[in-house]
């Protein structure tokens, strides 16, 4: 796949997969959206909730993933599981 074959759909799917991985990890650690938001330095769940669904064009960025990796004590790669980067997407 070259850069010209990447579509908005591919990118959106990737953000949604990352959001679902965050949700799985958060639930596995018994942490609510509100608690995760507080630990990340936010006062409401709006970022965590919207980014999980990739709604309103909101998604987690590298800084968010880095902070959450520290909170969950995991490797950042865990957030990228099940993302297909092969040319057959």
N, C-alpha and C. Protein backbone atom coordinates (compact mmCIF):
# COMPACT_ATOMS: atom_id res chain seq x y z
N UNK A 1 0.85 -1.18 0.00
CA UNK A 1 0.00 0.00 0.00
C UNK A 1 0.89 1.23 0.00
N UNK A 2 0.63 2.14 -0.89
CA UNK A 2 1.36 3.39 -0.84
C UNK A 2 0.45 4.47 -0.26
N UNK A 3 1.01 5.62 -0.01
CA UNK A 3 0.27 6.70 0.66
C UNK A 3 -0.99 7.08 -0.10
N UNK A 4 -1.00 6.91 -1.39
CA UNK A 4 -2.15 7.30 -2.21
C UNK A 4 -3.33 6.36 -2.06
N UNK A 5 -3.10 5.17 -1.52
CA UNK A 5 -4.17 4.20 -1.35
C UNK A 5 -4.84 4.28 0.02
N UNK A 6 -4.35 5.12 0.90
CA UNK A 6 -4.93 5.26 2.23
C UNK A 6 -6.17 6.15 2.12
N UNK A 7 -7.29 5.63 2.59
CA UNK A 7 -8.54 6.36 2.51
C UNK A 7 -8.95 6.88 3.88
N UNK A 8 -9.90 7.79 3.88
CA UNK A 8 -10.46 8.28 5.14
C UNK A 8 -11.10 7.13 5.91
N UNK A 9 -11.66 6.20 5.18
CA UNK A 9 -12.28 5.03 5.81
C UNK A 9 -11.23 4.20 6.56
N UNK A 10 -10.05 4.00 5.93
CA UNK A 10 -8.96 3.27 6.59
C UNK A 10 -8.53 3.98 7.87
N UNK A 11 -8.38 5.28 7.79
CA UNK A 11 -7.94 6.06 8.95
C UNK A 11 -9.00 6.01 10.05
N UNK A 12 -10.26 6.19 9.68
CA UNK A 12 -11.34 6.15 10.66
C UNK A 12 -11.41 4.79 11.33
N UNK A 13 -11.27 3.73 10.56
CA UNK A 13 -11.29 2.37 11.11
C UNK A 13 -10.14 2.19 12.10
N UNK A 14 -8.98 2.72 11.78
CA UNK A 14 -7.82 2.62 12.67
C UNK A 14 -8.09 3.33 13.99
N UNK A 15 -8.63 4.56 13.94
CA UNK A 15 -8.95 5.29 15.16
C UNK A 15 -9.99 4.54 15.99
N UNK A 16 -10.99 3.96 15.33
CA UNK A 16 -12.03 3.22 16.06
C UNK A 16 -11.45 1.97 16.72
N UNK A 17 -10.54 1.29 16.03
CA UNK A 17 -9.90 0.10 16.61
C UNK A 17 -9.07 0.49 17.83
N UNK A 18 -8.33 1.58 17.74
CA UNK A 18 -7.56 2.05 18.90
C UNK A 18 -8.52 2.36 20.05
N UNK A 19 -9.62 3.04 19.75
CA UNK A 19 -10.60 3.36 20.79
C UNK A 19 -11.18 2.12 21.45
N UNK A 20 -11.47 1.11 20.66
CA UNK A 20 -11.99 -0.15 21.22
C UNK A 20 -10.93 -0.85 22.06
N UNK A 21 -9.68 -0.78 21.63
CA UNK A 21 -8.59 -1.38 22.43
C UNK A 21 -8.44 -0.65 23.76
N UNK A 22 -8.56 0.68 23.74
CA UNK A 22 -8.50 1.44 24.99
C UNK A 22 -9.64 0.99 25.90
N UNK A 23 -10.83 0.85 25.34
CA UNK A 23 -11.99 0.41 26.14
C UNK A 23 -11.73 -0.95 26.77
N UNK A 24 -11.25 -1.90 25.98
CA UNK A 24 -10.97 -3.25 26.51
C UNK A 24 -9.96 -3.19 27.65
N UNK A 25 -8.89 -2.44 27.45
CA UNK A 25 -7.84 -2.34 28.47
C UNK A 25 -8.38 -1.64 29.71
N UNK A 26 -9.16 -0.59 29.50
CA UNK A 26 -9.74 0.16 30.63
C UNK A 26 -10.65 -0.74 31.43
N UNK A 27 -11.52 -1.49 30.75
CA UNK A 27 -12.45 -2.38 31.46
C UNK A 27 -11.72 -3.52 32.15
N UNK A 28 -10.67 -4.04 31.51
CA UNK A 28 -9.87 -5.11 32.13
C UNK A 28 -9.25 -4.63 33.43
N UNK A 29 -8.94 -3.34 33.50
CA UNK A 29 -8.34 -2.75 34.69
C UNK A 29 -9.37 -2.16 35.65
N UNK A 30 -10.66 -2.39 35.35
CA UNK A 30 -11.76 -1.88 36.19
C UNK A 30 -11.66 -0.38 36.45
N UNK A 31 -11.39 0.36 35.39
CA UNK A 31 -11.29 1.82 35.49
C UNK A 31 -12.42 2.42 34.65
N UNK A 32 -13.18 3.30 35.26
CA UNK A 32 -14.28 3.95 34.54
C UNK A 32 -13.73 5.01 33.60
N UNK A 33 -14.57 5.46 32.68
CA UNK A 33 -14.16 6.55 31.79
C UNK A 33 -13.82 7.79 32.60
N UNK A 34 -14.61 8.06 33.63
CA UNK A 34 -14.37 9.24 34.46
C UNK A 34 -13.03 9.14 35.19
N UNK A 35 -12.76 7.98 35.78
CA UNK A 35 -11.50 7.82 36.50
C UNK A 35 -10.31 7.94 35.54
N UNK A 36 -10.41 7.34 34.37
CA UNK A 36 -9.33 7.46 33.39
C UNK A 36 -9.15 8.91 32.99
N UNK A 37 -10.24 9.62 32.76
CA UNK A 37 -10.16 11.04 32.40
C UNK A 37 -9.45 11.83 33.49
N UNK A 38 -9.82 11.60 34.74
CA UNK A 38 -9.16 12.30 35.85
C UNK A 38 -7.68 11.99 35.89
N UNK A 39 -7.33 10.72 35.75
CA UNK A 39 -5.91 10.33 35.79
C UNK A 39 -5.12 10.95 34.64
N UNK A 40 -5.81 11.21 33.53
CA UNK A 40 -5.16 11.82 32.37
C UNK A 40 -5.08 13.35 32.51
N UNK A 41 -5.74 13.88 33.53
CA UNK A 41 -5.70 15.33 33.77
C UNK A 41 -6.90 16.08 33.24
N UNK A 42 -7.96 15.37 32.87
CA UNK A 42 -9.18 16.00 32.36
C UNK A 42 -10.24 15.99 33.45
N UNK A 43 -11.19 16.92 33.35
CA UNK A 43 -12.23 17.04 34.37
C UNK A 43 -13.55 16.42 33.97
N UNK A 44 -13.62 15.90 32.75
CA UNK A 44 -14.85 15.23 32.31
C UNK A 44 -14.48 14.06 31.41
N UNK A 45 -15.49 13.26 31.06
CA UNK A 45 -15.25 12.08 30.23
C UNK A 45 -15.34 12.38 28.74
N UNK A 46 -15.53 13.63 28.37
CA UNK A 46 -15.81 13.94 26.97
C UNK A 46 -14.74 13.42 26.00
N UNK A 47 -13.46 13.59 26.30
CA UNK A 47 -12.41 13.10 25.39
C UNK A 47 -12.42 11.59 25.34
N UNK A 48 -12.41 10.94 26.48
CA UNK A 48 -12.34 9.48 26.52
C UNK A 48 -13.57 8.88 25.84
N UNK A 49 -14.73 9.43 26.09
CA UNK A 49 -15.96 8.92 25.50
C UNK A 49 -16.00 9.13 23.99
N UNK A 50 -15.70 10.32 23.54
CA UNK A 50 -15.75 10.64 22.10
C UNK A 50 -14.65 9.91 21.33
N UNK A 51 -13.45 9.85 21.90
CA UNK A 51 -12.34 9.21 21.20
C UNK A 51 -12.56 7.71 21.07
N UNK A 52 -13.21 7.12 22.06
CA UNK A 52 -13.49 5.68 22.01
C UNK A 52 -14.31 5.36 20.76
N UNK A 53 -15.24 6.23 20.43
CA UNK A 53 -16.13 6.01 19.30
C UNK A 53 -15.64 6.71 18.04
N UNK A 54 -14.61 7.54 18.18
CA UNK A 54 -14.12 8.37 17.08
C UNK A 54 -15.24 9.28 16.58
N UNK A 55 -16.04 9.78 17.52
CA UNK A 55 -17.14 10.65 17.14
C UNK A 55 -16.69 12.10 17.15
N UNK A 56 -17.39 12.92 16.42
CA UNK A 56 -17.06 14.34 16.28
C UNK A 56 -15.61 14.54 15.86
N UNK A 57 -15.10 13.58 15.11
CA UNK A 57 -13.72 13.62 14.61
C UNK A 57 -12.69 13.69 15.73
N UNK A 58 -13.05 13.19 16.92
CA UNK A 58 -12.10 13.15 18.04
C UNK A 58 -11.48 11.77 18.11
N UNK A 59 -10.21 11.76 18.42
CA UNK A 59 -9.50 10.49 18.56
C UNK A 59 -8.32 10.70 19.49
N UNK A 60 -7.78 9.58 19.98
CA UNK A 60 -6.62 9.65 20.85
C UNK A 60 -5.39 9.99 20.02
N UNK A 61 -4.53 10.84 20.58
CA UNK A 61 -3.26 11.13 19.91
C UNK A 61 -2.13 10.40 20.65
N UNK A 62 -0.93 10.56 20.17
CA UNK A 62 0.22 9.85 20.75
C UNK A 62 0.40 10.22 22.23
N UNK A 63 0.22 11.47 22.57
CA UNK A 63 0.35 11.89 23.98
C UNK A 63 -0.68 11.17 24.85
N UNK A 64 -1.92 11.10 24.38
CA UNK A 64 -2.96 10.38 25.14
C UNK A 64 -2.58 8.92 25.34
N UNK A 65 -2.13 8.28 24.25
CA UNK A 65 -1.76 6.86 24.34
C UNK A 65 -0.57 6.65 25.26
N UNK A 66 0.38 7.56 25.22
CA UNK A 66 1.55 7.47 26.10
C UNK A 66 1.12 7.57 27.57
N UNK A 67 0.27 8.53 27.87
CA UNK A 67 -0.20 8.71 29.25
C UNK A 67 -1.00 7.48 29.71
N UNK A 68 -1.87 6.98 28.83
CA UNK A 68 -2.66 5.81 29.21
C UNK A 68 -1.79 4.56 29.37
N UNK A 69 -0.75 4.44 28.57
CA UNK A 69 0.17 3.30 28.72
C UNK A 69 0.82 3.34 30.11
N UNK A 70 1.16 4.53 30.57
CA UNK A 70 1.72 4.68 31.91
C UNK A 70 0.67 4.33 32.97
N UNK A 71 -0.53 4.85 32.80
CA UNK A 71 -1.62 4.59 33.75
C UNK A 71 -1.89 3.09 33.86
N UNK A 72 -1.96 2.41 32.71
CA UNK A 72 -2.27 0.98 32.70
C UNK A 72 -1.05 0.09 32.87
N UNK A 73 0.14 0.71 32.87
CA UNK A 73 1.40 -0.03 32.99
C UNK A 73 1.52 -1.10 31.89
N UNK A 74 1.33 -0.64 30.65
CA UNK A 74 1.42 -1.53 29.49
C UNK A 74 2.31 -0.90 28.42
N UNK A 75 2.66 -1.70 27.45
CA UNK A 75 3.38 -1.21 26.28
C UNK A 75 2.38 -0.50 25.37
N UNK A 76 2.76 0.60 24.76
CA UNK A 76 1.87 1.34 23.88
C UNK A 76 1.37 0.49 22.71
N UNK A 77 2.11 -0.52 22.34
CA UNK A 77 1.72 -1.39 21.23
C UNK A 77 0.38 -2.06 21.47
N UNK A 78 0.00 -2.21 22.73
CA UNK A 78 -1.28 -2.84 23.05
C UNK A 78 -2.46 -2.09 22.43
N UNK A 79 -2.33 -0.79 22.26
CA UNK A 79 -3.41 0.00 21.70
C UNK A 79 -3.58 -0.24 20.20
N UNK A 80 -2.55 -0.78 19.56
CA UNK A 80 -2.56 -0.95 18.10
C UNK A 80 -2.88 -2.39 17.67
N UNK A 81 -3.25 -3.24 18.61
CA UNK A 81 -3.60 -4.62 18.27
C UNK A 81 -4.81 -4.65 17.36
N UNK A 82 -4.82 -5.60 16.45
CA UNK A 82 -5.92 -5.83 15.52
C UNK A 82 -6.07 -4.74 14.46
N UNK A 83 -5.04 -3.94 14.27
CA UNK A 83 -5.08 -2.96 13.18
C UNK A 83 -4.40 -3.59 11.97
N UNK A 84 -5.15 -3.68 10.89
CA UNK A 84 -4.63 -4.31 9.67
C UNK A 84 -3.97 -3.24 8.79
N UNK A 85 -2.67 -3.37 8.61
CA UNK A 85 -1.95 -2.43 7.74
C UNK A 85 -1.56 -3.07 6.43
N UNK A 86 -2.09 -4.24 6.17
CA UNK A 86 -1.80 -4.94 4.90
C UNK A 86 -2.57 -4.25 3.78
N UNK A 87 -2.14 -4.49 2.57
CA UNK A 87 -2.77 -3.83 1.42
C UNK A 87 -4.16 -4.34 1.10
N UNK A 88 -4.62 -5.38 1.80
CA UNK A 88 -5.93 -5.92 1.50
C UNK A 88 -7.04 -5.37 2.40
N UNK A 89 -6.81 -4.25 3.03
CA UNK A 89 -7.82 -3.66 3.93
C UNK A 89 -9.06 -3.30 3.13
